[in-house]
Amino acid sequence: MELGQVVLSMAGRDSGRYYAVVEVIDENTVKIADGSQRHIGNAKIKNAKHLKANGDILEKIAEKLRANTQVFDAELFSALRPYNEEN
């Protein structure tokens, strides 16, 4: 898992939704957010084995997270909209 990576939640109440990794805590734990139901300021801590990476990385979001610049919920929501509309 890496910053800005698009992941699908496979377990829990939020299963079936796409999120972006906004913080890597350790190799098994990450924080995820989608900008609408789960805001960046209140990112969900999730076990990596409950997530399925689809291989895409939101480059603009990842750059901002690495530079420790503020990422707005609206831009995260817009970036993930195509993924969540498929479901």
PDB file of N, CA and C in Angstrom:
ATOM      1  N   MET A   1       0.839  -1.182   0.000  1.00  0.00           N
ATOM      2  CA  MET A   1       0.000   0.000   0.000  1.00  0.00           C
ATOM      3  C   MET A   1       0.884   1.245   0.000  1.00  0.00           C
ATOM      4  N   GLU A   2       0.462   2.249  -0.760  1.00  0.00           N
ATOM      5  CA  GLU A   2       1.199   3.501  -0.786  1.00  0.00           C
ATOM      6  C   GLU A   2       0.234   4.677  -0.853  1.00  0.00           C
ATOM      7  N   LEU A   3       0.735   5.855  -0.576  1.00  0.00           N
ATOM      8  CA  LEU A   3      -0.100   7.052  -0.547  1.00  0.00           C
ATOM      9  C   LEU A   3      -0.772   7.285  -1.892  1.00  0.00           C
ATOM     10  N   GLY A   4      -2.038   7.636  -1.833  1.00  0.00           N
ATOM     11  CA  GLY A   4      -2.788   7.946  -3.041  1.00  0.00           C
ATOM     12  C   GLY A   4      -3.320   6.736  -3.784  1.00  0.00           C
ATOM     13  N   GLN A   5      -3.047   5.552  -3.309  1.00  0.00           N
ATOM     14  CA  GLN A   5      -3.493   4.347  -3.988  1.00  0.00           C
ATOM     15  C   GLN A   5      -4.993   4.160  -3.820  1.00  0.00           C
ATOM     16  N   VAL A   6      -5.664   3.769  -4.905  1.00  0.00           N
ATOM     17  CA  VAL A   6      -7.103   3.519  -4.872  1.00  0.00           C
ATOM     18  C   VAL A   6      -7.314   2.080  -4.410  1.00  0.00           C
ATOM     19  N   VAL A   7      -8.157   1.927  -3.382  1.00  0.00           N
ATOM     20  CA  VAL A   7      -8.417   0.603  -2.824  1.00  0.00           C
ATOM     21  C   VAL A   7      -9.921   0.387  -2.685  1.00  0.00           C
ATOM     22  N   LEU A   8     -10.319  -0.870  -2.770  1.00  0.00           N
ATOM     23  CA  LEU A   8     -11.712  -1.268  -2.591  1.00  0.00           C
ATOM     24  C   LEU A   8     -11.837  -1.925  -1.229  1.00  0.00           C
ATOM     25  N   SER A   9     -12.766  -1.457  -0.423  1.00  0.00           N
ATOM     26  CA  SER A   9     -13.001  -2.054   0.889  1.00  0.00           C
ATOM     27  C   SER A   9     -13.738  -3.365   0.701  1.00  0.00           C
ATOM     28  N   MET A  10     -13.177  -4.422   1.271  1.00  0.00           N
ATOM     29  CA  MET A  10     -13.747  -5.758   1.103  1.00  0.00           C
ATOM     30  C   MET A  10     -14.463  -6.273   2.357  1.00  0.00           C
ATOM     31  N   ALA A  11     -14.324  -5.564   3.482  1.00  0.00           N
ATOM     32  CA  ALA A  11     -14.933  -6.038   4.723  1.00  0.00           C
ATOM     33  C   ALA A  11     -15.432  -4.848   5.531  1.00  0.00           C
ATOM     34  N   GLY A  12     -16.457  -5.094   6.304  1.00  0.00           N
ATOM     35  CA  GLY A  12     -16.986  -4.052   7.178  1.00  0.00           C
ATOM     36  C   GLY A  12     -18.184  -3.344   6.578  1.00  0.00           C
ATOM     37  N   ARG A  13     -18.648  -2.347   7.297  1.00  0.00           N
ATOM     38  CA  ARG A  13     -19.817  -1.584   6.897  1.00  0.00           C
ATOM     39  C   ARG A  13     -19.608  -0.845   5.576  1.00  0.00           C
ATOM     40  N   ASP A  14     -18.353  -0.514   5.291  1.00  0.00           N
ATOM     41  CA  ASP A  14     -18.031   0.265   4.088  1.00  0.00           C
ATOM     42  C   ASP A  14     -17.629  -0.615   2.907  1.00  0.00           C
ATOM     43  N   SER A  15     -17.879  -1.912   2.970  1.00  0.00           N
ATOM     44  CA  SER A  15     -17.462  -2.802   1.892  1.00  0.00           C
ATOM     45  C   SER A  15     -18.152  -2.431   0.584  1.00  0.00           C
ATOM     46  N   GLY A  16     -17.403  -2.571  -0.500  1.00  0.00           N
ATOM     47  CA  GLY A  16     -17.935  -2.252  -1.818  1.00  0.00           C
ATOM     48  C   GLY A  16     -17.668  -0.830  -2.272  1.00  0.00           C
ATOM     49  N   ARG A  17     -17.053  -0.001  -1.440  1.00  0.00           N
ATOM     50  CA  ARG A  17     -16.748   1.382  -1.799  1.00  0.00           C
ATOM     51  C   ARG A  17     -15.250   1.545  -2.036  1.00  0.00           C
ATOM     52  N   TYR A  18     -14.932   2.482  -2.924  1.00  0.00           N
ATOM     53  CA  TYR A  18     -13.535   2.792  -3.202  1.00  0.00           C
ATOM     54  C   TYR A  18     -13.064   3.943  -2.332  1.00  0.00           C
ATOM     55  N   TYR A  19     -11.838   3.839  -1.874  1.00  0.00           N
ATOM     56  CA  TYR A  19     -11.209   4.847  -1.031  1.00  0.00           C
ATOM     57  C   TYR A  19      -9.794   5.091  -1.537  1.00  0.00           C
ATOM     58  N   ALA A  20      -9.153   6.111  -1.000  1.00  0.00           N
ATOM     59  CA  ALA A  20      -7.745   6.378  -1.287  1.00  0.00           C
ATOM     60  C   ALA A  20      -6.969   6.252   0.015  1.00  0.00           C
ATOM     61  N   VAL A  21      -5.768   5.717  -0.087  1.00  0.00           N
ATOM     62  CA  VAL A  21      -4.891   5.609   1.079  1.00  0.00           C
ATOM     63  C   VAL A  21      -4.315   6.994   1.348  1.00  0.00           C
ATOM     64  N   VAL A  22      -4.585   7.548   2.531  1.00  0.00           N
ATOM     65  CA  VAL A  22      -4.095   8.886   2.870  1.00  0.00           C
ATOM     66  C   VAL A  22      -2.956   8.851   3.879  1.00  0.00           C
ATOM     67  N   GLU A  23      -2.723   7.699   4.501  1.00  0.00           N
ATOM     68  CA  GLU A  23      -1.595   7.552   5.417  1.00  0.00           C
ATOM     69  C   GLU A  23      -1.277   6.074   5.584  1.00  0.00           C
ATOM     70  N   VAL A  24       0.003   5.755   5.563  1.00  0.00           N
ATOM     71  CA  VAL A  24       0.447   4.388   5.812  1.00  0.00           C
ATOM     72  C   VAL A  24       1.000   4.352   7.232  1.00  0.00           C
ATOM     73  N   ILE A  25       0.339   3.612   8.113  1.00  0.00           N
ATOM     74  CA  ILE A  25       0.761   3.531   9.512  1.00  0.00           C
ATOM     75  C   ILE A  25       1.877   2.502   9.657  1.00  0.00           C
ATOM     76  N   ASP A  26       1.665   1.313   9.157  1.00  0.00           N
ATOM     77  CA  ASP A  26       2.695   0.279   9.092  1.00  0.00           C
ATOM     78  C   ASP A  26       2.348  -0.640   7.924  1.00  0.00           C
ATOM     79  N   GLU A  27       3.046  -1.758   7.791  1.00  0.00           N
ATOM     80  CA  GLU A  27       2.833  -2.609   6.621  1.00  0.00           C
ATOM     81  C   GLU A  27       1.459  -3.261   6.593  1.00  0.00           C
ATOM     82  N   ASN A  28       0.778  -3.333   7.725  1.00  0.00           N
ATOM     83  CA  ASN A  28      -0.534  -3.976   7.792  1.00  0.00           C
ATOM     84  C   ASN A  28      -1.685  -3.014   8.020  1.00  0.00           C
ATOM     85  N   THR A  29      -1.416  -1.754   8.301  1.00  0.00           N
ATOM     86  CA  THR A  29      -2.452  -0.809   8.677  1.00  0.00           C
ATOM     87  C   THR A  29      -2.302   0.492   7.892  1.00  0.00           C
ATOM     88  N   VAL A  30      -3.430   0.990   7.363  1.00  0.00           N
ATOM     89  CA  VAL A  30      -3.434   2.252   6.620  1.00  0.00           C
ATOM     90  C   VAL A  30      -4.647   3.074   7.039  1.00  0.00           C
ATOM     91  N   LYS A  31      -4.621   4.355   6.702  1.00  0.00           N
ATOM     92  CA  LYS A  31      -5.787   5.216   6.871  1.00  0.00           C
ATOM     93  C   LYS A  31      -6.352   5.496   5.492  1.00  0.00           C
ATOM     94  N   ILE A  32      -7.685   5.376   5.369  1.00  0.00           N
ATOM     95  CA  ILE A  32      -8.344   5.593   4.086  1.00  0.00           C
ATOM     96  C   ILE A  32      -9.421   6.665   4.226  1.00  0.00           C
ATOM     97  N   ALA A  33      -9.698   7.347   3.115  1.00  0.00           N
ATOM     98  CA  ALA A  33     -10.742   8.368   3.074  1.00  0.00           C
ATOM     99  C   ALA A  33     -11.290   8.437   1.656  1.00  0.00           C
ATOM    100  N   ASP A  34     -12.530   8.953   1.527  1.00  0.00           N
ATOM    101  CA  ASP A  34     -13.115   9.117   0.198  1.00  0.00           C
ATOM    102  C   ASP A  34     -13.615  10.538  -0.060  1.00  0.00           C
ATOM    103  N   GLY A  35     -13.551  11.389   0.935  1.00  0.00           N
ATOM    104  CA  GLY A  35     -13.944  12.786   0.746  1.00  0.00           C
ATOM    105  C   GLY A  35     -15.416  13.066   0.928  1.00  0.00           C
ATOM    106  N   SER A  36     -16.258  12.033   1.027  1.00  0.00           N
ATOM    107  CA  SER A  36     -17.688  12.289   1.241  1.00  0.00           C
ATOM    108  C   SER A  36     -18.162  11.619   2.532  1.00  0.00           C
ATOM    109  N   GLN A  37     -18.237  10.306   2.553  1.00  0.00           N
ATOM    110  CA  GLN A  37     -18.667   9.610   3.772  1.00  0.00           C
ATOM    111  C   GLN A  37     -17.556   9.581   4.811  1.00  0.00           C
ATOM    112  N   ARG A  38     -16.320   9.527   4.343  1.00  0.00           N
ATOM    113  CA  ARG A  38     -15.180   9.473   5.253  1.00  0.00           C
ATOM    114  C   ARG A  38     -14.211  10.576   4.846  1.00  0.00           C
ATOM    115  N   HIS A  39     -14.171  11.656   5.647  1.00  0.00           N
ATOM    116  CA  HIS A  39     -13.337  12.816   5.345  1.00  0.00           C
ATOM    117  C   HIS A  39     -11.876  12.565   5.717  1.00  0.00           C
ATOM    118  N   ILE A  40     -10.987  13.341   5.122  1.00  0.00           N
ATOM    119  CA  ILE A  40      -9.558  13.179   5.359  1.00  0.00           C
ATOM    120  C   ILE A  40      -9.207  13.436   6.821  1.00  0.00           C
ATOM    121  N   GLY A  41      -9.838  14.427   7.422  1.00  0.00           N
ATOM    122  CA  GLY A  41      -9.577  14.737   8.824  1.00  0.00           C
ATOM    123  C   GLY A  41     -10.020  13.651   9.777  1.00  0.00           C
ATOM    124  N   ASN A  42     -10.896  12.772   9.314  1.00  0.00           N
ATOM    125  CA  ASN A  42     -11.410  11.676  10.125  1.00  0.00           C
ATOM    126  C   ASN A  42     -11.224  10.359   9.368  1.00  0.00           C
ATOM    127  N   ALA A  43     -10.029  10.150   8.838  1.00  0.00           N
ATOM    128  CA  ALA A  43      -9.750   8.974   8.017  1.00  0.00           C
ATOM    129  C   ALA A  43      -9.897   7.695   8.827  1.00  0.00           C
ATOM    130  N   LYS A  44     -10.382   6.656   8.163  1.00  0.00           N
ATOM    131  CA  LYS A  44     -10.622   5.373   8.832  1.00  0.00           C
ATOM    132  C   LYS A  44      -9.348   4.537   8.846  1.00  0.00           C
ATOM    133  N   ILE A  45      -9.029   4.012  10.010  1.00  0.00           N
ATOM    134  CA  ILE A  45      -7.896   3.097  10.138  1.00  0.00           C
ATOM    135  C   ILE A  45      -8.403   1.714   9.730  1.00  0.00           C
ATOM    136  N   LYS A  46      -7.709   1.111   8.774  1.00  0.00           N
ATOM    137  CA  LYS A  46      -8.179  -0.162   8.239  1.00  0.00           C
ATOM    138  C   LYS A  46      -7.013  -1.124   8.062  1.00  0.00           C
ATOM    139  N   ASN A  47      -7.271  -2.386   8.333  1.00  0.00           N
ATOM    140  CA  ASN A  47      -6.284  -3.434   8.137  1.00  0.00           C
ATOM    141  C   ASN A  47      -6.119  -3.639   6.622  1.00  0.00           C
ATOM    142  N   ALA A  48      -4.899  -3.709   6.138  1.00  0.00           N
ATOM    143  CA  ALA A  48      -4.629  -3.819   4.709  1.00  0.00           C
ATOM    144  C   ALA A  48      -5.192  -5.100   4.107  1.00  0.00           C
ATOM    145  N   LYS A  49      -5.350  -6.151   4.911  1.00  0.00           N
ATOM    146  CA  LYS A  49      -5.882  -7.397   4.353  1.00  0.00           C
ATOM    147  C   LYS A  49      -7.379  -7.296   4.050  1.00  0.00           C
ATOM    148  N   HIS A  50      -8.040  -6.246   4.532  1.00  0.00           N
ATOM    149  CA  HIS A  50      -9.452  -6.021   4.242  1.00  0.00           C
ATOM    150  C   HIS A  50      -9.641  -5.099   3.047  1.00  0.00           C
ATOM    151  N   LEU A  51      -8.559  -4.748   2.378  1.00  0.00           N
ATOM    152  CA  LEU A  51      -8.600  -3.857   1.232  1.00  0.00           C
ATOM    153  C   LEU A  51      -8.050  -4.559   0.004  1.00  0.00           C
ATOM    154  N   LYS A  52      -8.600  -4.227  -1.153  1.00  0.00           N
ATOM    155  CA  LYS A  52      -8.111  -4.772  -2.418  1.00  0.00           C
ATOM    156  C   LYS A  52      -7.655  -3.600  -3.282  1.00  0.00           C
ATOM    157  N   ALA A  53      -6.365  -3.564  -3.577  1.00  0.00           N
ATOM    158  CA  ALA A  53      -5.815  -2.491  -4.411  1.00  0.00           C
ATOM    159  C   ALA A  53      -6.153  -2.783  -5.866  1.00  0.00           C
ATOM    160  N   ASN A  54      -6.582  -1.753  -6.605  1.00  0.00           N
ATOM    161  CA  ASN A  54      -6.898  -1.973  -8.015  1.00  0.00           C
ATOM    162  C   ASN A  54      -5.742  -1.551  -8.928  1.00  0.00           C
ATOM    163  N   GLY A  55      -4.634  -1.092  -8.358  1.00  0.00           N
ATOM    164  CA  GLY A  55      -3.453  -0.753  -9.144  1.00  0.00           C
ATOM    165  C   GLY A  55      -3.341   0.708  -9.526  1.00  0.00           C
ATOM    166  N   ASP A  56      -4.409   1.476  -9.359  1.00  0.00           N
ATOM    167  CA  ASP A  56      -4.380   2.902  -9.716  1.00  0.00           C
ATOM    168  C   ASP A  56      -3.857   3.730  -8.551  1.00  0.00           C
ATOM    169  N   ILE A  57      -3.169   4.818  -8.898  1.00  0.00           N
ATOM    170  CA  ILE A  57      -2.690   5.770  -7.894  1.00  0.00           C
ATOM    171  C   ILE A  57      -3.138   7.159  -8.326  1.00  0.00           C
ATOM    172  N   LEU A  58      -3.739   7.894  -7.415  1.00  0.00           N
ATOM    173  CA  LEU A  58      -4.145   9.278  -7.675  1.00  0.00           C
ATOM    174  C   LEU A  58      -2.902  10.149  -7.485  1.00  0.00           C
ATOM    175  N   GLU A  59      -2.203  10.438  -8.580  1.00  0.00           N
ATOM    176  CA  GLU A  59      -0.895  11.093  -8.517  1.00  0.00           C
ATOM    177  C   GLU A  59      -0.941  12.471  -7.845  1.00  0.00           C
ATOM    178  N   LYS A  60      -1.927  13.300  -8.202  1.00  0.00           N
ATOM    179  CA  LYS A  60      -2.002  14.649  -7.616  1.00  0.00           C
ATOM    180  C   LYS A  60      -2.214  14.578  -6.105  1.00  0.00           C
ATOM    181  N   ILE A  61      -3.083  13.663  -5.694  1.00  0.00           N
ATOM    182  CA  ILE A  61      -3.348  13.489  -4.263  1.00  0.00           C
ATOM    183  C   ILE A  61      -2.089  12.973  -3.571  1.00  0.00           C
ATOM    184  N   ALA A  62      -1.429  11.990  -4.175  1.00  0.00           N
ATOM    185  CA  ALA A  62      -0.221  11.401  -3.590  1.00  0.00           C
ATOM    186  C   ALA A  62       0.883  12.446  -3.437  1.00  0.00           C
ATOM    187  N   GLU A  63       1.060  13.299  -4.445  1.00  0.00           N
ATOM    188  CA  GLU A  63       2.084  14.353  -4.365  1.00  0.00           C
ATOM    189  C   GLU A  63       1.800  15.307  -3.215  1.00  0.00           C
ATOM    190  N   LYS A  64       0.542  15.699  -3.067  1.00  0.00           N
ATOM    191  CA  LYS A  64       0.172  16.604  -1.982  1.00  0.00           C
ATOM    192  C   LYS A  64       0.387  15.962  -0.615  1.00  0.00           C
ATOM    193  N   LEU A  65       0.043  14.685  -0.499  1.00  0.00           N
ATOM    194  CA  LEU A  65       0.221  13.984   0.773  1.00  0.00           C
ATOM    195  C   LEU A  65       1.702  13.853   1.119  1.00  0.00           C
ATOM    196  N   ARG A  66       2.535  13.568   0.109  1.00  0.00           N
ATOM    197  CA  ARG A  66       3.979  13.454   0.356  1.00  0.00           C
ATOM    198  C   ARG A  66       4.576  14.799   0.750  1.00  0.00           C
ATOM    199  N   ALA A  67       4.076  15.886   0.135  1.00  0.00           N
ATOM    200  CA  ALA A  67       4.592  17.225   0.419  1.00  0.00           C
ATOM    201  C   ALA A  67       3.972  17.810   1.684  1.00  0.00           C
ATOM    202  N   ASN A  68       3.061  17.062   2.312  1.00  0.00           N
ATOM    203  CA  ASN A  68       2.385  17.513   3.527  1.00  0.00           C
ATOM    204  C   ASN A  68       1.582  18.794   3.291  1.00  0.00           C
ATOM    205  N   THR A  69       1.005  18.891   2.093  1.00  0.00           N
ATOM    206  CA  THR A  69       0.140  20.006   1.723  1.00  0.00           C
ATOM    207  C   THR A  69      -1.303  19.589   1.980  1.00  0.00           C
ATOM    208  N   GLN A  70      -2.168  20.572   2.214  1.00  0.00           N
ATOM    209  CA  GLN A  70      -3.564  20.250   2.504  1.00  0.00           C
ATOM    210  C   GLN A  70      -4.260  19.673   1.278  1.00  0.00           C
ATOM    211  N   VAL A  71      -4.934  18.556   1.491  1.00  0.00           N
ATOM    212  CA  VAL A  71      -5.757  17.936   0.458  1.00  0.00           C
ATOM    213  C   VAL A  71      -7.204  18.165   0.874  1.00  0.00           C
ATOM    214  N   PHE A  72      -7.983  18.748  -0.012  1.00  0.00           N
ATOM    215  CA  PHE A  72      -9.383  19.036   0.297  1.00  0.00           C
ATOM    216  C   PHE A  72     -10.243  17.811   0.016  1.00  0.00           C
ATOM    217  N   ASP A  73     -11.289  17.663   0.818  1.00  0.00           N
ATOM    218  CA  ASP A  73     -12.195  16.538   0.642  1.00  0.00           C
ATOM    219  C   ASP A  73     -12.840  16.562  -0.743  1.00  0.00           C
ATOM    220  N   ALA A  74     -13.135  17.746  -1.248  1.00  0.00           N
ATOM    221  CA  ALA A  74     -13.787  17.871  -2.553  1.00  0.00           C
ATOM    222  C   ALA A  74     -12.912  17.325  -3.678  1.00  0.00           C
ATOM    223  N   GLU A  75     -11.602  17.585  -3.623  1.00  0.00           N
ATOM    224  CA  GLU A  75     -10.746  17.066  -4.688  1.00  0.00           C
ATOM    225  C   GLU A  75     -10.564  15.551  -4.580  1.00  0.00           C
ATOM    226  N   LEU A  76     -10.552  15.023  -3.371  1.00  0.00           N
ATOM    227  CA  LEU A  76     -10.479  13.576  -3.193  1.00  0.00           C
ATOM    228  C   LEU A  76     -11.767  12.921  -3.678  1.00  0.00           C
ATOM    229  N   PHE A  77     -12.899  13.519  -3.347  1.00  0.00           N
ATOM    230  CA  PHE A  77     -14.192  13.003  -3.778  1.00  0.00           C
ATOM    231  C   PHE A  77     -14.283  13.008  -5.305  1.00  0.00           C
ATOM    232  N   SER A  78     -13.828  14.095  -5.939  1.00  0.00           N
ATOM    233  CA  SER A  78     -13.866  14.195  -7.401  1.00  0.00           C
ATOM    234  C   SER A  78     -12.974  13.149  -8.061  1.00  0.00           C
ATOM    235  N   ALA A  79     -11.820  12.900  -7.471  1.00  0.00           N
ATOM    236  CA  ALA A  79     -10.892  11.926  -8.034  1.00  0.00           C
ATOM    237  C   ALA A  79     -11.438  10.503  -7.921  1.00  0.00           C
ATOM    238  N   LEU A  80     -12.203  10.222  -6.874  1.00  0.00           N
ATOM    239  CA  LEU A  80     -12.743   8.869  -6.659  1.00  0.00           C
ATOM    240  C   LEU A  80     -14.131   8.673  -7.264  1.00  0.00           C
ATOM    241  N   ARG A  81     -14.749   9.732  -7.739  1.00  0.00           N
ATOM    242  CA  ARG A  81     -16.110   9.627  -8.274  1.00  0.00           C
ATOM    243  C   ARG A  81     -16.244   8.569  -9.373  1.00  0.00           C
ATOM    244  N   PRO A  82     -15.337   8.522 -10.359  1.00  0.00           N
ATOM    245  CA  PRO A  82     -15.498   7.492 -11.418  1.00  0.00           C
ATOM    246  C   PRO A  82     -15.472   6.059 -10.876  1.00  0.00           C
ATOM    247  N   TYR A  83     -14.718   5.815  -9.855  1.00  0.00           N
ATOM    248  CA  TYR A  83     -14.620   4.466  -9.271  1.00  0.00           C
ATOM    249  C   TYR A  83     -15.915   4.100  -8.558  1.00  0.00           C
ATOM    250  N   ASN A  84     -16.453   5.023  -7.767  1.00  0.00           N
ATOM    251  CA  ASN A  84     -17.650   4.729  -6.977  1.00  0.00           C
ATOM    252  C   ASN A  84     -18.926   4.748  -7.817  1.00  0.00           C
ATOM    253  N   GLU A  85     -18.917   5.430  -8.954  1.00  0.00           N
ATOM    254  CA  GLU A  85     -20.091   5.438  -9.814  1.00  0.00           C
ATOM    255  C   GLU A  85     -20.256   4.121 -10.561  1.00  0.00           C
ATOM    256  N   GLU A  86     -19.153   3.387 -10.735  1.00  0.00           N
ATOM    257  CA  GLU A  86     -19.228   2.082 -11.407  1.00  0.00           C
ATOM    258  C   GLU A  86     -20.055   1.097 -10.603  1.00  0.00           C
ATOM    259  N   ASN A  87     -20.009   1.236  -9.275  1.00  0.00           N
ATOM    260  CA  ASN A  87     -20.735   0.279  -8.413  1.00  0.00           C
ATOM    261  C   ASN A  87     -22.146   0.687  -8.339  1.00  0.00           C
TER     262      ASN A  87
END
